[in-house]
Structure formats: C-alpha cells, structure tokens
Amino acid sequence: MDIKDIVADLRETFGKGRMVLFPEEVAQVIGLSPKAINNLRHRKKFPFTPKRIGNKIGVSIYELAEWIASGSPELEHAEPDNAATTGTTRKRKAPASAKQAPATSTSKARRPSLGPLLMSMRKMIAQQEAELHLARDLFANLEKLHMERNIDKKVSSGSAPKRRRL
C-alpha cells in the first residue's frame, strides 16, 4: 500500500483536515491502548516523534503512514524485562547523592485562578454598598425626625422667636 493511500485512509477515518492524531486515535490504528502508547512514549520506545499541541501530545499523520507502509515493525510492549521477572525483586533505594539533587521541572506552574477572588471582592463591595445605602437612609430619617421635633417645640411654646434690640 502506498503512503498517499494510507494518509487518505487515515484522513477519511479521523477527519479530512487532520494533520496530527492523538494517542486515542493512534491506539485504534496500531492496536494498543492509549495507556500503553503513553507508557512507550515515556520510556522513549515510541517509534514516532511526539508533537505537543496545546496540552496534548500528537503524532504526525504522515509519520504514522510511513510506519504502516514500512510493514509496521513490532512495537516493544510495556512488559517488564526477562531479568526482572525471574524471582522476586525489590525496588532499589536511590543513593544518597540522588536524594539530595534538586528536582528541576521544565513545566511551568499554573497561576491560581482569580475568579474566586474577584467574586468574593464583588460580594464584599455589594455588601458595603448595601450598608452605605442603609446608613444614608437612616441618617436622612433621623435628620427629618430632628427637624420635626424642633418645629414641634417652637409651635408648642406658642411664641415666635424674640427679636433682639440693638
């Protein structure tokens, strides 16, 4: 089968404009589970060069077609080595020098989302605005009451304010 035919078949199966296939789709083509594909990729035994697209890892559709056209060489399955299967084995402890080496990470840590903080700030502002509105209403009512009492005192005394002579 020709590579062009294989690419055409893969595009027909997974979508016409596709240039990259993801592990779930590659698993359908080569007959392994996505977990086994990821295991091979992490152990550097995967026959394709992985391409990072966003936060996913993909494989070029052309590279997969070349692999299929070349007769699909056997993949090393994610089984333990024969030496490790004979007898019981224990996990080895890392030497002291390996324990002290600082872990360097190439991935960037994601910043925490500001959404919850913004929502709490909005709630706090709305609550303070409601309290301010209530305080203004209370002050206006108290001022009105004070003015009414002053008028009532003047009316009940029965006299108009006295004028001073100069």
C-alpha atoms as a PDB file:
ATOM      1  CA  MET A   1       0.000   0.000   0.000  1.00  0.00           C
ATOM      2  CA  ASP A   2       1.282   3.477  -0.900  1.00  0.00           C
ATOM      3  CA  ILE A   3       1.828   6.192   1.749  1.00  0.00           C
ATOM      4  CA  LYS A   4      -0.600   8.517  -0.053  1.00  0.00           C
ATOM      5  CA  ASP A   5      -3.306   5.852   0.116  1.00  0.00           C
ATOM      6  CA  ILE A   6      -2.657   5.296   3.822  1.00  0.00           C
ATOM      7  CA  VAL A   7      -2.793   9.047   4.541  1.00  0.00           C
ATOM      8  CA  ALA A   8      -6.039   9.301   2.569  1.00  0.00           C
ATOM      9  CA  ASP A   9      -7.485   6.367   4.530  1.00  0.00           C
ATOM     10  CA  LEU A  10      -6.430   7.883   7.881  1.00  0.00           C
ATOM     11  CA  ARG A  11      -7.923  11.247   6.937  1.00  0.00           C
ATOM     12  CA  GLU A  12     -11.138   9.565   5.858  1.00  0.00           C
ATOM     13  CA  THR A  13     -11.308   7.759   9.191  1.00  0.00           C
ATOM     14  CA  PHE A  14     -10.364  10.641  11.503  1.00  0.00           C
ATOM     15  CA  GLY A  15     -11.277  13.770   9.538  1.00  0.00           C
ATOM     16  CA  LYS A  16     -10.213  15.360   6.255  1.00  0.00           C
ATOM     17  CA  GLY A  17      -8.184  18.276   7.599  1.00  0.00           C
ATOM     18  CA  ARG A  18      -6.300  16.287  10.227  1.00  0.00           C
ATOM     19  CA  MET A  19      -2.518  16.581  10.297  1.00  0.00           C
ATOM     20  CA  VAL A  20      -1.988  15.140  13.779  1.00  0.00           C
ATOM     21  CA  LEU A  21      -3.513  12.143  15.564  1.00  0.00           C
ATOM     22  CA  PHE A  22      -3.710  11.872  19.342  1.00  0.00           C
ATOM     23  CA  PRO A  23      -2.936   8.745  21.437  1.00  0.00           C
ATOM     24  CA  GLU A  24      -6.568   7.574  21.488  1.00  0.00           C
ATOM     25  CA  GLU A  25      -6.678   7.643  17.682  1.00  0.00           C
ATOM     26  CA  VAL A  26      -3.209   6.150  17.213  1.00  0.00           C
ATOM     27  CA  ALA A  27      -4.300   3.359  19.559  1.00  0.00           C
ATOM     28  CA  GLN A  28      -7.127   2.459  17.180  1.00  0.00           C
ATOM     29  CA  VAL A  29      -4.702   2.270  14.250  1.00  0.00           C
ATOM     30  CA  ILE A  30      -1.853   0.277  15.797  1.00  0.00           C
ATOM     31  CA  GLY A  31      -3.869  -1.905  18.155  1.00  0.00           C
ATOM     32  CA  LEU A  32      -2.578  -0.728  21.540  1.00  0.00           C
ATOM     33  CA  SER A  33      -4.345   1.032  24.364  1.00  0.00           C
ATOM     34  CA  PRO A  34      -3.758   4.777  24.868  1.00  0.00           C
ATOM     35  CA  LYS A  35      -2.155   3.945  28.224  1.00  0.00           C
ATOM     36  CA  ALA A  36       0.335   1.582  26.541  1.00  0.00           C
ATOM     37  CA  ILE A  37       1.133   4.272  23.968  1.00  0.00           C
ATOM     38  CA  ASN A  38       1.816   6.814  26.715  1.00  0.00           C
ATOM     39  CA  ASN A  39       3.953   4.238  28.536  1.00  0.00           C
ATOM     40  CA  LEU A  40       6.038   3.637  25.393  1.00  0.00           C
ATOM     41  CA  ARG A  41       6.359   7.373  24.841  1.00  0.00           C
ATOM     42  CA  HIS A  42       7.590   7.977  28.391  1.00  0.00           C
ATOM     43  CA  ARG A  43      10.124   5.159  28.086  1.00  0.00           C
ATOM     44  CA  LYS A  44      11.357   6.642  24.777  1.00  0.00           C
ATOM     45  CA  LYS A  45      10.414   3.431  22.922  1.00  0.00           C
ATOM     46  CA  PHE A  46       7.657   5.043  20.854  1.00  0.00           C
ATOM     47  CA  PRO A  47       8.519   4.860  17.123  1.00  0.00           C
ATOM     48  CA  PHE A  48       7.089   8.330  16.400  1.00  0.00           C
ATOM     49  CA  THR A  49       8.270  11.783  17.395  1.00  0.00           C
ATOM     50  CA  PRO A  50       5.604  13.301  19.635  1.00  0.00           C
ATOM     51  CA  LYS A  51       4.317  16.768  18.765  1.00  0.00           C
ATOM     52  CA  ARG A  52       2.941  18.993  21.513  1.00  0.00           C
ATOM     53  CA  ILE A  53      -0.289  20.724  20.509  1.00  0.00           C
ATOM     54  CA  GLY A  54      -1.643  22.794  23.349  1.00  0.00           C
ATOM     55  CA  ASN A  55      -1.723  20.488  26.346  1.00  0.00           C
ATOM     56  CA  LYS A  56      -1.960  17.302  24.266  1.00  0.00           C
ATOM     57  CA  ILE A  57       0.643  15.130  22.591  1.00  0.00           C
ATOM     58  CA  GLY A  58       0.063  14.088  18.990  1.00  0.00           C
ATOM     59  CA  VAL A  59       1.692  12.155  16.154  1.00  0.00           C
ATOM     60  CA  SER A  60       2.051  13.368  12.573  1.00  0.00           C
ATOM     61  CA  ILE A  61      -0.359  11.568  10.264  1.00  0.00           C
ATOM     62  CA  TYR A  62       2.445  11.272   7.661  1.00  0.00           C
ATOM     63  CA  GLU A  63       4.840   9.664  10.136  1.00  0.00           C
ATOM     64  CA  LEU A  64       2.175   7.138  11.111  1.00  0.00           C
ATOM     65  CA  ALA A  65       1.503   6.409   7.420  1.00  0.00           C
ATOM     66  CA  GLU A  66       5.233   5.846   6.767  1.00  0.00           C
ATOM     67  CA  TRP A  67       5.379   3.458   9.716  1.00  0.00           C
ATOM     68  CA  ILE A  68       2.383   1.492   8.429  1.00  0.00           C
ATOM     69  CA  ALA A  69       3.814   1.437   4.862  1.00  0.00           C
ATOM     70  CA  SER A  70       7.165   0.121   6.112  1.00  0.00           C
ATOM     71  CA  GLY A  71       5.463  -3.037   7.326  1.00  0.00           C
ATOM     72  CA  SER A  72       4.570  -1.923  10.848  1.00  0.00           C
ATOM     73  CA  PRO A  73       7.672  -3.046  12.755  1.00  0.00           C
ATOM     74  CA  GLU A  74       6.858  -4.645  16.071  1.00  0.00           C
ATOM     75  CA  LEU A  75       6.458  -2.305  18.988  1.00  0.00           C
ATOM     76  CA  GLU A  76       8.117  -3.150  22.255  1.00  0.00           C
ATOM     77  CA  HIS A  77       5.205  -3.833  24.533  1.00  0.00           C
ATOM     78  CA  ALA A  78       5.126  -2.366  28.001  1.00  0.00           C
ATOM     79  CA  GLU A  79       6.095  -5.638  29.665  1.00  0.00           C
ATOM     80  CA  PRO A  80       8.893  -5.976  32.220  1.00  0.00           C
ATOM     81  CA  ASP A  81      12.272  -7.365  31.115  1.00  0.00           C
ATOM     82  CA  ASN A  82      13.023 -11.088  31.497  1.00  0.00           C
ATOM     83  CA  ALA A  83      15.747 -10.387  34.055  1.00  0.00           C
ATOM     84  CA  ALA A  84      13.295  -8.599  36.268  1.00  0.00           C
ATOM     85  CA  THR A  85      10.691 -11.368  36.097  1.00  0.00           C
ATOM     86  CA  THR A  86      12.968 -14.128  37.400  1.00  0.00           C
ATOM     87  CA  GLY A  87      12.486 -14.470  41.133  1.00  0.00           C
ATOM     88  CA  THR A  88      11.257 -11.786  43.443  1.00  0.00           C
ATOM     89  CA  THR A  89      12.559  -8.289  43.055  1.00  0.00           C
ATOM     90  CA  ARG A  90      12.551  -5.294  45.297  1.00  0.00           C
ATOM     91  CA  LYS A  91      12.617  -1.670  44.435  1.00  0.00           C
ATOM     92  CA  ARG A  92      16.050  -0.205  44.807  1.00  0.00           C
ATOM     93  CA  LYS A  93      16.581   2.766  47.027  1.00  0.00           C
ATOM     94  CA  ALA A  94      18.113   5.809  45.426  1.00  0.00           C
ATOM     95  CA  PRO A  95      21.683   6.579  46.507  1.00  0.00           C
ATOM     96  CA  ALA A  96      22.183   9.472  48.898  1.00  0.00           C
ATOM     97  CA  SER A  97      23.568  11.716  46.156  1.00  0.00           C
ATOM     98  CA  ALA A  98      20.401  11.258  44.071  1.00  0.00           C
ATOM     99  CA  LYS A  99      18.200  12.126  47.032  1.00  0.00           C
ATOM    100  CA  GLN A 100      19.997  15.428  47.554  1.00  0.00           C
ATOM    101  CA  ALA A 101      19.840  16.546  43.922  1.00  0.00           C
ATOM    102  CA  PRO A 102      17.242  19.276  43.461  1.00  0.00           C
ATOM    103  CA  ALA A 103      14.336  18.362  41.251  1.00  0.00           C
ATOM    104  CA  THR A 104      14.187  20.591  38.205  1.00  0.00           C
ATOM    105  CA  SER A 105      10.890  20.897  36.483  1.00  0.00           C
ATOM    106  CA  THR A 106      10.561  22.077  32.909  1.00  0.00           C
ATOM    107  CA  SER A 107       6.835  22.654  33.141  1.00  0.00           C
ATOM    108  CA  LYS A 108       5.520  25.973  34.348  1.00  0.00           C
ATOM    109  CA  ALA A 109       3.346  26.028  37.414  1.00  0.00           C
ATOM    110  CA  ARG A 110      -0.080  27.424  36.637  1.00  0.00           C
ATOM    111  CA  ARG A 111      -1.154  30.543  38.422  1.00  0.00           C
ATOM    112  CA  PRO A 112      -4.184  30.126  40.630  1.00  0.00           C
ATOM    113  CA  SER A 113      -7.408  31.362  39.134  1.00  0.00           C
ATOM    114  CA  LEU A 114      -8.500  34.874  40.049  1.00  0.00           C
ATOM    115  CA  GLY A 115     -12.187  34.037  39.558  1.00  0.00           C
ATOM    116  CA  PRO A 116     -12.996  33.133  43.177  1.00  0.00           C
ATOM    117  CA  LEU A 117     -11.089  36.157  44.486  1.00  0.00           C
ATOM    118  CA  LEU A 118     -12.920  38.503  42.113  1.00  0.00           C
ATOM    119  CA  MET A 119     -16.286  37.024  43.089  1.00  0.00           C
ATOM    120  CA  SER A 120     -15.564  37.461  46.809  1.00  0.00           C
ATOM    121  CA  MET A 121     -14.457  41.067  46.192  1.00  0.00           C
ATOM    122  CA  ARG A 122     -17.668  41.773  44.253  1.00  0.00           C
ATOM    123  CA  LYS A 123     -19.769  40.296  47.062  1.00  0.00           C
ATOM    124  CA  MET A 124     -17.906  42.383  49.640  1.00  0.00           C
ATOM    125  CA  ILE A 125     -18.390  45.581  47.598  1.00  0.00           C
ATOM    126  CA  ALA A 126     -22.102  44.846  47.124  1.00  0.00           C
ATOM    127  CA  GLN A 127     -22.483  44.250  50.879  1.00  0.00           C
ATOM    128  CA  GLN A 128     -20.693  47.512  51.711  1.00  0.00           C
ATOM    129  CA  GLU A 129     -22.834  49.425  49.205  1.00  0.00           C
ATOM    130  CA  ALA A 130     -25.979  47.991  50.828  1.00  0.00           C
ATOM    131  CA  GLU A 131     -24.705  49.030  54.282  1.00  0.00           C
ATOM    132  CA  LEU A 132     -23.885  52.523  52.989  1.00  0.00           C
ATOM    133  CA  HIS A 133     -27.358  52.859  51.452  1.00  0.00           C
ATOM    134  CA  LEU A 134     -28.928  51.754  54.754  1.00  0.00           C
ATOM    135  CA  ALA A 135     -26.792  54.253  56.712  1.00  0.00           C
ATOM    136  CA  ARG A 136     -27.778  57.097  54.360  1.00  0.00           C
ATOM    137  CA  ASP A 137     -31.480  56.236  54.715  1.00  0.00           C
ATOM    138  CA  LEU A 138     -31.126  56.070  58.498  1.00  0.00           C
ATOM    139  CA  PHE A 139     -29.322  59.430  58.620  1.00  0.00           C
ATOM    140  CA  ALA A 140     -31.967  61.068  56.390  1.00  0.00           C
ATOM    141  CA  ASN A 141     -34.773  59.729  58.616  1.00  0.00           C
ATOM    142  CA  LEU A 142     -33.010  60.886  61.793  1.00  0.00           C
ATOM    143  CA  GLU A 143     -32.460  64.328  60.316  1.00  0.00           C
ATOM    144  CA  LYS A 144     -36.129  64.538  59.316  1.00  0.00           C
ATOM    145  CA  LEU A 145     -37.172  63.469  62.830  1.00  0.00           C
ATOM    146  CA  HIS A 146     -34.865  66.071  64.398  1.00  0.00           C
ATOM    147  CA  MET A 147     -36.313  68.829  62.212  1.00  0.00           C
ATOM    148  CA  GLU A 148     -39.880  67.789  63.082  1.00  0.00           C
ATOM    149  CA  ARG A 149     -39.077  67.894  66.816  1.00  0.00           C
ATOM    150  CA  ASN A 150     -37.588  71.377  66.531  1.00  0.00           C
ATOM    151  CA  ILE A 151     -40.696  72.592  64.723  1.00  0.00           C
ATOM    152  CA  ASP A 152     -42.950  70.934  67.341  1.00  0.00           C
ATOM    153  CA  LYS A 153     -41.031  72.634  70.198  1.00  0.00           C
ATOM    154  CA  LYS A 154     -41.370  76.036  68.586  1.00  0.00           C
ATOM    155  CA  VAL A 155     -45.079  75.545  67.940  1.00  0.00           C
ATOM    156  CA  SER A 156     -45.788  74.225  71.448  1.00  0.00           C
ATOM    157  CA  SER A 157     -44.005  77.134  73.151  1.00  0.00           C
ATOM    158  CA  GLY A 158     -46.556  79.383  71.442  1.00  0.00           C
ATOM    159  CA  SER A 159     -44.291  82.227  70.733  1.00  0.00           C
ATOM    160  CA  ALA A 160     -42.311  83.256  67.808  1.00  0.00           C
ATOM    161  CA  PRO A 161     -38.655  83.761  68.313  1.00  0.00           C
ATOM    162  CA  LYS A 162     -37.900  87.018  70.130  1.00  0.00           C
ATOM    163  CA  ARG A 163     -36.126  89.771  68.359  1.00  0.00           C
ATOM    164  CA  ARG A 164     -33.201  91.371  69.976  1.00  0.00           C
ATOM    165  CA  ARG A 165     -32.886  95.048  70.206  1.00  0.00           C
ATOM    166  CA  LEU A 166     -29.755  96.758  69.302  1.00  0.00           C
END
